[in-house]
Structures are given as C-alpha cells and as structure tokens.
Amino acid sequence: SVCIIAALTKVPWPKAEKKRETKHTPLLRKDLALAGMNQVAVWTQRPFNYFPRFTQEGLK
C-alpha cells in the first residue's frame, strides 16, 4: 500500500475560506489517476495556515 500526503495550504488572503480546500480534491484525484493511481481513498482533509506568524493585519 502507498500513503500519499498532499498539502493543500491556506494562505492568509482576504477571501480565503475553508471551503476552498475541498475544491482541490478533484484536481488531486486527476493527477493521481494520471500517475496510475485510480482507487485513492481520501481519509482526512485538514486545512492549515502556511504562514502562521502572518495575519491580514500583519505579524503576530
């Protein structure tokens, strides 16, 4: 079995929302299918802030 960890980052942008994280799942599945991995199970999705020290107001 193969474990693939794909990071979909949430950048601190004015209109960034958690809902955007799930819209990338079909793109990930398509890329994996092109690589020959068609039966992929997504166990969990967790958005995280790539720049934890930065907010829209500036540095923490």
N, C-alpha and C. Protein backbone atom coordinates (compact mmCIF):
# COMPACT_ATOMS: atom_id res chain seq x y z
N SER A 1 0.84 -1.19 0.00
CA SER A 1 0.00 0.00 0.00
C SER A 1 0.88 1.24 0.00
N VAL A 2 0.33 2.32 -0.48
CA VAL A 2 1.06 3.57 -0.61
C VAL A 2 0.31 4.66 0.15
N CYS A 3 1.04 5.46 0.88
CA CYS A 3 0.46 6.59 1.60
C CYS A 3 0.93 7.88 0.93
N ILE A 4 0.00 8.70 0.52
CA ILE A 4 0.34 9.97 -0.12
C ILE A 4 -0.20 11.09 0.75
N ILE A 5 0.67 12.00 1.12
CA ILE A 5 0.25 13.17 1.87
C ILE A 5 0.36 14.36 0.94
N ALA A 6 -0.74 14.98 0.66
CA ALA A 6 -0.76 16.15 -0.21
C ALA A 6 -1.16 17.36 0.62
N ALA A 7 -0.35 18.36 0.57
CA ALA A 7 -0.62 19.57 1.35
C ALA A 7 -1.36 20.59 0.51
N LEU A 8 -2.54 20.92 0.94
CA LEU A 8 -3.31 22.00 0.33
C LEU A 8 -3.29 23.15 1.33
N THR A 9 -2.49 24.13 1.07
CA THR A 9 -2.28 25.17 2.06
C THR A 9 -3.32 26.27 1.99
N LYS A 10 -3.55 26.88 3.13
CA LYS A 10 -4.46 28.02 3.22
C LYS A 10 -3.60 29.26 3.44
N VAL A 11 -3.53 30.09 2.44
CA VAL A 11 -2.73 31.31 2.52
C VAL A 11 -3.60 32.41 3.12
N PRO A 12 -3.04 33.23 4.03
CA PRO A 12 -3.84 34.29 4.65
C PRO A 12 -4.22 35.36 3.64
N TRP A 13 -5.27 35.16 2.94
CA TRP A 13 -5.74 36.07 1.90
C TRP A 13 -7.11 36.58 2.30
N PRO A 14 -7.49 37.77 1.90
CA PRO A 14 -8.76 38.34 2.36
C PRO A 14 -9.98 37.45 2.16
N LYS A 15 -10.05 36.71 1.08
CA LYS A 15 -11.24 35.91 0.81
C LYS A 15 -10.98 34.41 0.94
N ALA A 16 -9.91 34.03 1.64
CA ALA A 16 -9.60 32.61 1.82
C ALA A 16 -10.63 31.99 2.76
N GLU A 17 -11.18 30.86 2.36
CA GLU A 17 -12.18 30.17 3.15
C GLU A 17 -11.83 28.70 3.21
N LYS A 18 -12.30 28.02 4.24
CA LYS A 18 -12.07 26.59 4.36
C LYS A 18 -12.71 25.82 3.22
N LYS A 19 -13.81 26.32 2.68
CA LYS A 19 -14.49 25.62 1.59
C LYS A 19 -13.59 25.46 0.37
N ARG A 20 -12.63 26.32 0.20
CA ARG A 20 -11.74 26.23 -0.96
C ARG A 20 -10.84 25.00 -0.89
N GLU A 21 -10.60 24.49 0.31
CA GLU A 21 -9.71 23.34 0.46
C GLU A 21 -10.29 22.12 -0.27
N THR A 22 -11.59 21.92 -0.21
CA THR A 22 -12.18 20.73 -0.80
C THR A 22 -12.28 20.82 -2.31
N LYS A 23 -12.25 22.02 -2.88
CA LYS A 23 -12.37 22.12 -4.34
C LYS A 23 -11.12 21.60 -5.04
N HIS A 24 -10.01 21.44 -4.32
CA HIS A 24 -8.78 20.95 -4.93
C HIS A 24 -8.70 19.42 -4.94
N THR A 25 -9.59 18.77 -4.21
CA THR A 25 -9.57 17.31 -4.16
C THR A 25 -9.75 16.68 -5.54
N PRO A 26 -10.69 17.14 -6.38
CA PRO A 26 -10.80 16.55 -7.73
C PRO A 26 -9.52 16.73 -8.55
N LEU A 27 -8.84 17.85 -8.37
CA LEU A 27 -7.58 18.07 -9.10
C LEU A 27 -6.52 17.07 -8.64
N LEU A 28 -6.47 16.84 -7.33
CA LEU A 28 -5.52 15.86 -6.80
C LEU A 28 -5.84 14.47 -7.33
N ARG A 29 -7.13 14.10 -7.32
CA ARG A 29 -7.52 12.78 -7.84
C ARG A 29 -7.16 12.64 -9.32
N LYS A 30 -7.33 13.69 -10.09
CA LYS A 30 -6.99 13.65 -11.52
C LYS A 30 -5.50 13.43 -11.71
N ASP A 31 -4.68 14.16 -10.95
CA ASP A 31 -3.23 13.99 -11.05
C ASP A 31 -2.80 12.59 -10.64
N LEU A 32 -3.41 12.06 -9.58
CA LEU A 32 -3.08 10.71 -9.15
C LEU A 32 -3.51 9.68 -10.19
N ALA A 33 -4.65 9.90 -10.84
CA ALA A 33 -5.11 8.98 -11.89
C ALA A 33 -4.14 8.99 -13.07
N LEU A 34 -3.63 10.17 -13.41
CA LEU A 34 -2.64 10.25 -14.49
C LEU A 34 -1.37 9.50 -14.14
N ALA A 35 -1.08 9.40 -12.84
CA ALA A 35 0.09 8.66 -12.38
C ALA A 35 -0.21 7.17 -12.21
N GLY A 36 -1.45 6.75 -12.56
CA GLY A 36 -1.79 5.34 -12.49
C GLY A 36 -2.45 4.92 -11.19
N MET A 37 -2.77 5.86 -10.32
CA MET A 37 -3.41 5.55 -9.04
C MET A 37 -4.88 5.96 -9.12
N ASN A 38 -5.74 5.00 -9.49
CA ASN A 38 -7.15 5.30 -9.72
C ASN A 38 -8.03 5.09 -8.49
N GLN A 39 -7.68 4.18 -7.64
CA GLN A 39 -8.51 3.85 -6.47
C GLN A 39 -7.91 4.49 -5.23
N VAL A 40 -8.08 5.79 -5.09
CA VAL A 40 -7.49 6.53 -3.98
C VAL A 40 -8.59 6.89 -2.99
N ALA A 41 -8.34 6.61 -1.72
CA ALA A 41 -9.29 6.97 -0.66
C ALA A 41 -8.75 8.19 0.08
N VAL A 42 -9.58 9.21 0.20
CA VAL A 42 -9.21 10.39 0.98
C VAL A 42 -9.72 10.16 2.39
N TRP A 43 -8.81 10.00 3.34
CA TRP A 43 -9.21 9.70 4.71
C TRP A 43 -9.54 10.96 5.48
N THR A 44 -8.75 11.98 5.30
CA THR A 44 -8.99 13.21 6.04
C THR A 44 -8.42 14.39 5.28
N GLN A 45 -9.01 15.53 5.48
CA GLN A 45 -8.51 16.77 4.90
C GLN A 45 -8.43 17.78 6.03
N ARG A 46 -7.27 18.40 6.17
CA ARG A 46 -7.09 19.40 7.21
C ARG A 46 -6.45 20.64 6.63
N PRO A 47 -7.17 21.74 6.58
CA PRO A 47 -6.54 22.99 6.12
C PRO A 47 -5.61 23.51 7.20
N PHE A 48 -4.51 24.10 6.79
CA PHE A 48 -3.62 24.74 7.75
C PHE A 48 -3.05 26.00 7.14
N ASN A 49 -2.67 26.89 8.00
CA ASN A 49 -2.12 28.17 7.59
C ASN A 49 -0.64 28.00 7.29
N TYR A 50 -0.23 28.25 6.07
CA TYR A 50 1.16 28.08 5.68
C TYR A 50 2.07 29.12 6.33
N PHE A 51 1.53 30.30 6.60
CA PHE A 51 2.30 31.36 7.24
C PHE A 51 1.70 31.67 8.61
N PRO A 52 1.98 30.85 9.62
CA PRO A 52 1.30 31.01 10.91
C PRO A 52 1.59 32.34 11.62
N ARG A 53 2.70 32.99 11.33
CA ARG A 53 3.03 34.24 12.02
C ARG A 53 2.40 35.45 11.36
N PHE A 54 1.85 35.30 10.18
CA PHE A 54 1.29 36.43 9.45
C PHE A 54 -0.24 36.35 9.43
N THR A 55 -0.86 37.48 9.64
CA THR A 55 -2.31 37.58 9.51
C THR A 55 -2.61 38.71 8.53
N GLN A 56 -3.87 38.95 8.27
CA GLN A 56 -4.23 40.04 7.37
C GLN A 56 -3.87 41.39 7.98
N GLU A 57 -3.73 41.43 9.31
CA GLU A 57 -3.37 42.67 9.99
C GLU A 57 -1.86 42.86 10.10
N GLY A 58 -1.09 41.82 9.84
CA GLY A 58 0.37 41.91 9.94
C GLY A 58 0.94 40.78 10.76
N LEU A 59 2.11 40.98 11.33
CA LEU A 59 2.77 39.95 12.13
C LEU A 59 2.08 39.75 13.46
N LYS A 60 2.10 38.52 13.95
CA LYS A 60 1.55 38.22 15.28
C LYS A 60 2.57 38.59 16.33
